[in-house]
């Protein structure tokens, strides 16, 4: 439960659920936050059970006295205000158990961006759990989240006519030393082939709910969401951190998720992932970051670049996802019970005191 005022500051008791790349970053942010107290840590790996949160968050905070557990009953006994839920996959049984027990949930998982996009049976289970516990659940992060919801809502606040809004995400993967991910999962360095339906469906399911939420918030609901993909090839043999791209193999990928209204794209998210800019055919690529184009009666063209050297990007990028989730905790705890979206909550303002 929320701790009493200390020196005029209300503090929220927070549990970190999973301590992977994002979870370790959200946990560090909780330890630093002026209004949050780390109450507990749930881990999936037996080797992490019993370790101190300070060690799991990188060691810079020393010993915290908060020990990780694999026992959900121990987590429920903490009487926390909120769980930061950051596992690789969403377990709806876990989420419903937390919500029905009286614990709010903020997740970097994408399942809760848009309630109508959930399976109806699953949605009812979650909403019933929220009603039972008097709790809320909210999904957020950088992408989807900040770039597909929070920023577009601000940008469209100066429009009275929106013709189209396009978000381009650029990721230079040339210094990403993850050969399994790049070559085996994503298909870089492989002969060109059509995108499998699984790849397109995955990105459509990740970003479609967020685009639907944005469209509905603007009073312009989408008729459908579609995904298409294309590749560009290495013009010559190229060595990257993960290995070698042979000439004529896949060196760049672009997947576009389009929200259609009245037969035309109203909202679009394009993922531009590349390992070199020496491509056939040539593509117009930018540095790692986002580009947002707004077509309407107050047109805008905006670049948001990550001013981080590529060899430091892996260490810095979790902050873009983790920090917004941490900053959302007080707002979600104060929200009415239910699945709460970016459009439902007040503007998320970071408390940096």
Protein backbone atom coordinates (compact mmCIF):
# COMPACT_ATOMS: atom_id res chain seq x y z
CA UNK A 1 0.00 0.00 0.00
CA UNK A 2 1.04 3.61 -0.50
CA UNK A 3 3.45 4.71 2.21
CA UNK A 4 2.51 7.73 4.32
CA UNK A 5 3.84 11.16 3.53
CA UNK A 6 7.52 11.61 4.30
CA UNK A 7 8.71 15.23 4.32
CA UNK A 8 5.59 16.03 2.30
CA UNK A 9 6.25 13.34 -0.33
CA UNK A 10 3.84 10.47 -1.02
CA UNK A 11 5.71 7.27 -1.88
CA UNK A 12 4.41 4.30 -3.89
CA UNK A 13 5.55 0.78 -3.16
CA UNK A 14 6.61 -0.89 -6.42
CA UNK A 15 7.54 -4.47 -7.35
CA UNK A 16 9.79 -5.18 -10.31
CA UNK A 17 8.59 -8.25 -12.25
CA UNK A 18 11.44 -9.75 -14.35
CA UNK A 19 14.97 -8.36 -14.46
CA UNK A 20 16.07 -8.69 -18.07
CA UNK A 21 17.38 -5.84 -20.20
CA UNK A 22 14.36 -3.57 -19.65
CA UNK A 23 13.50 -4.81 -16.15
CA UNK A 24 16.96 -4.06 -14.79
CA UNK A 25 16.63 -0.51 -16.13
CA UNK A 26 13.15 0.06 -14.69
CA UNK A 27 14.39 -1.28 -11.33
CA UNK A 28 17.29 1.19 -11.30
CA UNK A 29 14.86 3.98 -12.11
CA UNK A 30 12.61 2.97 -9.20
CA UNK A 31 15.58 3.01 -6.82
CA UNK A 32 16.39 6.54 -7.98
CA UNK A 33 12.82 7.89 -8.05
CA UNK A 34 11.83 10.41 -5.32
CA UNK A 35 8.30 9.00 -4.97
CA UNK A 36 8.83 5.26 -5.47
CA UNK A 37 10.07 2.59 -3.08
CA UNK A 38 11.23 -0.79 -4.36
CA UNK A 39 9.20 -3.28 -2.33
CA UNK A 40 10.05 -6.54 -4.08
CA UNK A 41 11.49 -8.29 -7.12
CA UNK A 42 10.10 -11.28 -9.01
CA UNK A 43 12.47 -13.31 -11.21
CA UNK A 44 12.03 -16.26 -13.57
CA UNK A 45 15.59 -17.61 -13.40
CA UNK A 46 16.36 -19.82 -10.37
CA UNK A 47 19.92 -18.51 -10.25
CA UNK A 48 18.59 -14.99 -9.59
CA UNK A 49 16.30 -16.01 -6.74
CA UNK A 50 17.62 -14.71 -3.42
CA UNK A 51 19.90 -12.11 -4.99
CA UNK A 52 19.72 -8.52 -3.78
CA UNK A 53 18.02 -5.99 -6.03
CA UNK A 54 21.15 -3.88 -5.95
CA UNK A 55 23.15 -6.66 -7.59
CA UNK A 56 20.43 -7.37 -10.16
CA UNK A 57 20.23 -3.70 -11.13
CA UNK A 58 23.94 -3.41 -11.90
CA UNK A 59 25.56 -2.97 -8.49
CA UNK A 60 25.68 0.83 -8.37
CA UNK A 61 23.15 1.02 -5.52
CA UNK A 62 24.96 -1.41 -3.22
CA UNK A 63 22.87 -3.65 -0.97
CA UNK A 64 19.18 -2.69 -0.85
CA UNK A 65 17.87 -5.46 1.40
CA UNK A 66 15.24 -6.35 -1.22
CA UNK A 67 15.75 -9.97 -2.28
CA UNK A 68 14.42 -11.50 -5.50
CA UNK A 69 11.89 -14.33 -5.34
CA UNK A 70 10.15 -16.81 -7.62
CA UNK A 71 7.19 -17.11 -5.27
CA UNK A 72 4.19 -15.04 -6.35
CA UNK A 73 2.64 -15.42 -2.89
CA UNK A 74 5.62 -13.57 -1.44
CA UNK A 75 4.98 -10.76 -3.92
CA UNK A 76 1.28 -10.59 -3.05
CA UNK A 77 2.12 -10.45 0.66
CA UNK A 78 4.09 -7.22 0.10
CA UNK A 79 0.88 -5.22 -0.32
CA UNK A 80 2.51 -3.14 -3.05
CA UNK A 81 0.82 -0.36 -4.99
CA UNK A 82 2.11 -1.34 -8.41
CA UNK A 83 4.03 -3.99 -10.33
CA UNK A 84 6.30 -3.01 -13.19
CA UNK A 85 5.65 -5.97 -15.45
CA UNK A 86 8.47 -6.41 -18.00
CA UNK A 87 8.80 -10.11 -18.96
CA UNK A 88 9.52 -11.38 -22.48
CA UNK A 89 6.02 -12.82 -22.78
CA UNK A 90 2.75 -11.88 -21.12
CA UNK A 91 1.11 -14.40 -18.80
CA UNK A 92 -2.49 -13.27 -18.38
CA UNK A 93 -2.95 -15.58 -15.39
CA UNK A 94 -0.14 -13.71 -13.59
CA UNK A 95 -1.52 -10.32 -14.55
CA UNK A 96 -5.05 -11.19 -13.42
CA UNK A 97 -3.76 -12.56 -10.11
CA UNK A 98 -1.90 -9.31 -9.45
CA UNK A 99 -4.81 -7.09 -10.44
CA UNK A 100 -7.44 -8.99 -8.47
CA UNK A 101 -5.20 -8.88 -5.36
CA UNK A 102 -5.23 -5.08 -5.39
CA UNK A 103 -1.95 -4.37 -7.21
CA UNK A 104 -1.88 -2.02 -10.20
CA UNK A 105 0.21 -3.05 -13.20
CA UNK A 106 2.33 -0.94 -15.56
CA UNK A 107 3.80 -3.01 -18.38
CA UNK A 108 6.25 -2.55 -21.21
CA UNK A 109 4.45 -5.46 -22.85
CA UNK A 110 2.11 -4.35 -25.65
CA UNK A 111 -1.03 -6.28 -24.78
CA UNK A 112 -2.85 -3.42 -23.03
CA UNK A 113 -2.50 -0.47 -25.44
CA UNK A 114 -6.03 -0.89 -26.79
CA UNK A 115 -8.59 -2.96 -24.92
CA UNK A 116 -10.82 -3.79 -27.94
CA UNK A 117 -7.80 -5.40 -29.67
CA UNK A 118 -7.64 -8.08 -26.97
CA UNK A 119 -9.40 -11.40 -27.33
CA UNK A 120 -12.88 -10.73 -25.86
CA UNK A 121 -12.62 -13.52 -23.29
CA UNK A 122 -9.18 -12.31 -22.17
CA UNK A 123 -10.36 -8.73 -22.02
CA UNK A 124 -13.27 -9.67 -19.76
CA UNK A 125 -10.96 -11.64 -17.44
CA UNK A 126 -8.68 -8.63 -17.09
CA UNK A 127 -11.51 -6.16 -16.58
CA UNK A 128 -13.12 -8.45 -13.99
CA UNK A 129 -9.77 -8.72 -12.17
CA UNK A 130 -9.45 -4.92 -12.18
CA UNK A 131 -12.96 -4.55 -10.80
CA UNK A 132 -12.29 -7.11 -8.07
CA UNK A 133 -9.03 -5.51 -6.99
CA UNK A 134 -9.94 -1.89 -7.68
CA UNK A 135 -6.87 -1.69 -9.91
CA UNK A 136 -5.65 -0.53 -13.31
CA UNK A 137 -3.31 -1.92 -15.97
CA UNK A 138 -1.45 0.17 -18.54
CA UNK A 139 0.98 -0.59 -21.38
CA UNK A 140 3.62 1.91 -22.42
CA UNK A 141 7.18 2.24 -23.61
CA UNK A 142 9.03 3.97 -26.41
CA UNK A 143 7.75 2.17 -29.51
CA UNK A 144 4.87 1.46 -29.38
CA UNK A 145 3.92 3.95 -26.72
CA UNK A 146 5.67 7.30 -26.68
CA UNK A 147 6.24 7.59 -30.42
CA UNK A 148 2.88 6.12 -31.52
CA UNK A 149 0.63 7.65 -28.86
CA UNK A 150 2.01 10.34 -26.54
CA UNK A 151 3.87 12.39 -29.15
CA UNK A 152 1.20 12.13 -31.89
CA UNK A 153 -1.49 13.23 -29.45
CA UNK A 154 0.55 16.37 -28.73
CA UNK A 155 1.32 17.01 -32.42
CA UNK A 156 -2.29 16.64 -33.49
CA UNK A 157 -3.42 19.06 -30.79
CA UNK A 158 -2.67 21.90 -33.25
CA UNK A 159 -4.57 20.28 -36.13
CA UNK A 160 -8.17 20.69 -37.19
CA UNK A 161 -7.70 18.51 -40.27
CA UNK A 162 -5.46 15.46 -40.35
CA UNK A 163 -4.73 13.99 -43.77
CA UNK A 164 -2.00 11.57 -42.67
CA UNK A 165 0.50 10.97 -39.90
CA UNK A 166 3.57 8.84 -40.64
CA UNK A 167 6.14 7.66 -38.10
CA UNK A 168 9.44 6.35 -39.44
CA UNK A 169 11.66 4.47 -37.00
CA UNK A 170 15.30 4.10 -38.06
CA UNK A 171 17.69 1.61 -36.49
CA UNK A 172 21.30 1.25 -37.66
CA UNK A 173 22.19 -2.30 -36.59
CA UNK A 174 25.72 -2.32 -37.99
CA UNK A 175 27.27 -2.27 -34.51
CA UNK A 176 24.79 -4.70 -32.93
CA UNK A 177 26.88 -7.77 -32.04
CA UNK A 178 23.94 -10.19 -32.08
CA UNK A 179 24.48 -12.65 -34.94
CA UNK A 180 21.67 -14.95 -33.83
CA UNK A 181 19.14 -12.12 -33.84
CA UNK A 182 20.28 -10.44 -37.05
CA UNK A 183 21.12 -13.42 -39.24
CA UNK A 184 18.83 -16.16 -37.94
CA UNK A 185 15.77 -14.36 -36.60
CA UNK A 186 15.64 -11.22 -38.76
CA UNK A 187 17.14 -12.73 -41.93
CA UNK A 188 19.94 -10.26 -42.59
CA UNK A 189 22.74 -11.73 -44.71
CA UNK A 190 20.27 -14.17 -46.30
CA UNK A 191 19.15 -14.36 -49.94
CA UNK A 192 16.18 -12.08 -50.64
CA UNK A 193 12.78 -13.66 -50.12
CA UNK A 194 9.25 -12.51 -49.47
CA UNK A 195 8.40 -11.58 -45.92
CA UNK A 196 6.68 -14.47 -44.22
CA UNK A 197 3.18 -13.81 -42.94
CA UNK A 198 4.45 -14.44 -39.40
CA UNK A 199 6.85 -11.47 -39.58
CA UNK A 200 4.22 -9.12 -40.94
CA UNK A 201 1.55 -10.33 -38.52
CA UNK A 202 3.93 -9.87 -35.59
CA UNK A 203 4.57 -6.20 -36.30
CA UNK A 204 0.93 -5.54 -37.21
CA UNK A 205 -0.16 -7.04 -33.91
CA UNK A 206 2.48 -5.02 -32.03
CA UNK A 207 1.67 -1.62 -33.53
CA UNK A 208 -1.88 -1.99 -34.80
CA UNK A 209 -3.55 -1.63 -31.37
CA UNK A 210 -1.55 1.53 -30.65
CA UNK A 211 -2.51 3.07 -34.00
CA UNK A 212 -6.15 2.15 -33.38
CA UNK A 213 -6.01 3.83 -29.98
CA UNK A 214 -4.59 7.01 -31.49
CA UNK A 215 -7.19 7.09 -34.27
CA UNK A 216 -10.06 6.60 -31.82
CA UNK A 217 -8.68 9.29 -29.50
CA UNK A 218 -8.79 11.67 -32.48
CA UNK A 219 -12.37 10.68 -33.33
CA UNK A 220 -11.30 9.00 -36.58
CA UNK A 221 -11.46 5.22 -35.96
CA UNK A 222 -9.65 2.98 -38.43
CA UNK A 223 -11.42 0.61 -40.79
CA UNK A 224 -8.50 -1.83 -40.88
CA UNK A 225 -4.78 -2.26 -40.18
CA UNK A 226 -2.45 -3.79 -42.76
CA UNK A 227 1.27 -4.65 -42.86
CA UNK A 228 3.64 -4.83 -45.84
CA UNK A 229 7.37 -5.44 -46.11
CA UNK A 230 10.30 -4.91 -48.46
CA UNK A 231 14.06 -5.46 -48.41
CA UNK A 232 17.19 -3.91 -49.91
CA UNK A 233 20.38 -5.82 -50.65
CA UNK A 234 24.05 -5.24 -49.89
CA UNK A 235 25.64 -3.63 -52.94
CA UNK A 236 28.97 -5.23 -51.99
CA UNK A 237 30.33 -7.49 -49.25
CA UNK A 238 30.18 -5.67 -45.91
CA UNK A 239 31.52 -6.52 -42.46
CA UNK A 240 29.37 -5.52 -39.48
CA UNK A 241 29.75 -6.26 -35.77
CA UNK A 242 27.64 -9.42 -36.05
CA UNK A 243 29.50 -10.86 -39.05
CA UNK A 244 29.59 -10.45 -42.83
CA UNK A 245 26.88 -9.51 -45.31
CA UNK A 246 27.67 -11.02 -48.70
CA UNK A 247 26.94 -9.01 -51.83
CA UNK A 248 23.32 -9.44 -52.90
CA UNK A 249 22.03 -10.55 -49.49
CA UNK A 250 19.49 -8.77 -47.30
CA UNK A 251 21.04 -5.69 -45.71
CA UNK A 252 17.98 -3.55 -44.93
CA UNK A 253 14.33 -4.20 -44.13
CA UNK A 254 11.29 -1.96 -44.07
CA UNK A 255 7.97 -3.07 -42.61
CA UNK A 256 5.04 -0.66 -42.81
CA UNK A 257 1.98 -0.93 -40.58
CA UNK A 258 -0.84 1.16 -42.05
CA UNK A 259 -4.06 2.18 -40.37
CA UNK A 260 -6.64 2.66 -43.11
CA UNK A 261 -9.67 4.92 -43.03
CA UNK A 262 -12.03 5.33 -45.98
CA UNK A 263 -9.63 3.44 -48.24
CA UNK A 264 -6.44 5.41 -47.56
CA UNK A 265 -3.66 5.33 -44.95
CA UNK A 266 -4.43 7.77 -42.15
CA UNK A 267 -1.75 6.56 -39.72
CA UNK A 268 1.45 4.71 -40.59
CA UNK A 269 4.36 3.26 -38.66
CA UNK A 270 7.42 2.24 -40.70
CA UNK A 271 10.26 0.26 -39.19
CA UNK A 272 13.46 0.90 -41.16
CA UNK A 273 16.15 -1.51 -39.94
CA UNK A 274 19.49 -1.59 -41.73
CA UNK A 275 23.05 -2.87 -41.42
CA UNK A 276 24.59 -0.62 -44.09
CA UNK A 277 23.48 2.33 -46.22
CA UNK A 278 25.26 0.98 -49.33
CA UNK A 279 22.11 -0.64 -50.69
CA UNK A 280 20.53 -1.89 -53.89
CA UNK A 281 18.13 -0.26 -54.44
CA UNK A 282 19.23 2.91 -52.64
CA UNK A 283 17.02 3.89 -49.72
CA UNK A 284 16.62 7.25 -48.01
CA UNK A 285 17.80 6.31 -44.50
CA UNK A 286 18.47 8.49 -41.48
CA UNK A 287 20.47 8.03 -38.31
CA UNK A 288 18.97 5.93 -35.51
CA UNK A 289 15.86 7.66 -34.19
CA UNK A 290 12.42 8.71 -35.40
CA UNK A 291 11.00 10.95 -38.09
CA UNK A 292 7.37 12.09 -37.83
CA UNK A 293 5.48 13.70 -40.68
CA UNK A 294 2.08 15.29 -40.09
CA UNK A 295 -0.02 16.24 -43.12
CA UNK A 296 -2.96 18.47 -42.32
CA UNK A 297 -3.92 22.09 -41.95
CA UNK A 298 -0.88 22.63 -39.67
CA UNK A 299 1.75 20.38 -41.32
CA UNK A 300 4.83 19.31 -39.39
CA UNK A 301 8.09 17.54 -40.16
CA UNK A 302 10.03 16.42 -37.10
CA UNK A 303 13.29 14.55 -36.52
CA UNK A 304 14.09 12.93 -33.18
CA UNK A 305 17.59 11.47 -33.27
CA UNK A 306 19.35 9.50 -30.57
CA UNK A 307 22.66 11.37 -30.03
CA UNK A 308 24.42 8.22 -28.85
CA UNK A 309 27.41 6.52 -30.53
CA UNK A 310 26.37 3.22 -32.07
CA UNK A 311 28.75 1.28 -29.87
CA UNK A 312 26.90 2.65 -26.80
CA UNK A 313 23.38 2.27 -28.17
CA UNK A 314 22.76 -1.15 -26.63
CA UNK A 315 23.58 0.26 -23.18
CA UNK A 316 21.48 3.42 -23.60
CA UNK A 317 18.43 2.24 -25.55
CA UNK A 318 16.63 0.48 -22.63
CA UNK A 319 16.07 3.90 -21.03
CA UNK A 320 13.83 4.96 -23.89
CA UNK A 321 11.45 2.11 -23.09
CA UNK A 322 11.86 1.79 -19.33
CA UNK A 323 11.66 5.39 -18.13
CA UNK A 324 8.18 6.19 -19.39
CA UNK A 325 6.80 3.10 -17.64
CA UNK A 326 8.36 4.16 -14.35
CA UNK A 327 7.12 7.73 -14.74
CA UNK A 328 3.59 6.39 -15.33
CA UNK A 329 3.33 4.55 -11.99
CA UNK A 330 1.74 7.34 -9.88
CA UNK A 331 -0.76 8.14 -12.65
CA UNK A 332 -1.83 4.52 -13.07
CA UNK A 333 -2.18 4.07 -9.31
CA UNK A 334 -4.50 7.08 -9.23
CA UNK A 335 -6.59 5.96 -12.23
CA UNK A 336 -10.05 4.38 -12.03
CA UNK A 337 -10.08 0.56 -12.26
CA UNK A 338 -9.71 -0.99 -15.70
CA UNK A 339 -7.45 -1.17 -18.74
CA UNK A 340 -6.14 2.38 -18.92
CA UNK A 341 -4.62 3.78 -22.11
CA UNK A 342 -2.53 6.82 -22.98
CA UNK A 343 -5.78 8.53 -23.98
CA UNK A 344 -7.36 7.76 -20.59
CA UNK A 345 -4.53 8.92 -18.36
CA UNK A 346 -3.41 12.49 -17.71
CA UNK A 347 -0.24 13.59 -19.48
CA UNK A 348 2.69 11.64 -17.99
CA UNK A 349 4.95 14.21 -16.35
CA UNK A 350 8.31 12.98 -15.02
CA UNK A 351 9.12 13.79 -11.40
CA UNK A 352 12.87 14.46 -11.51
CA UNK A 353 13.19 15.83 -7.97
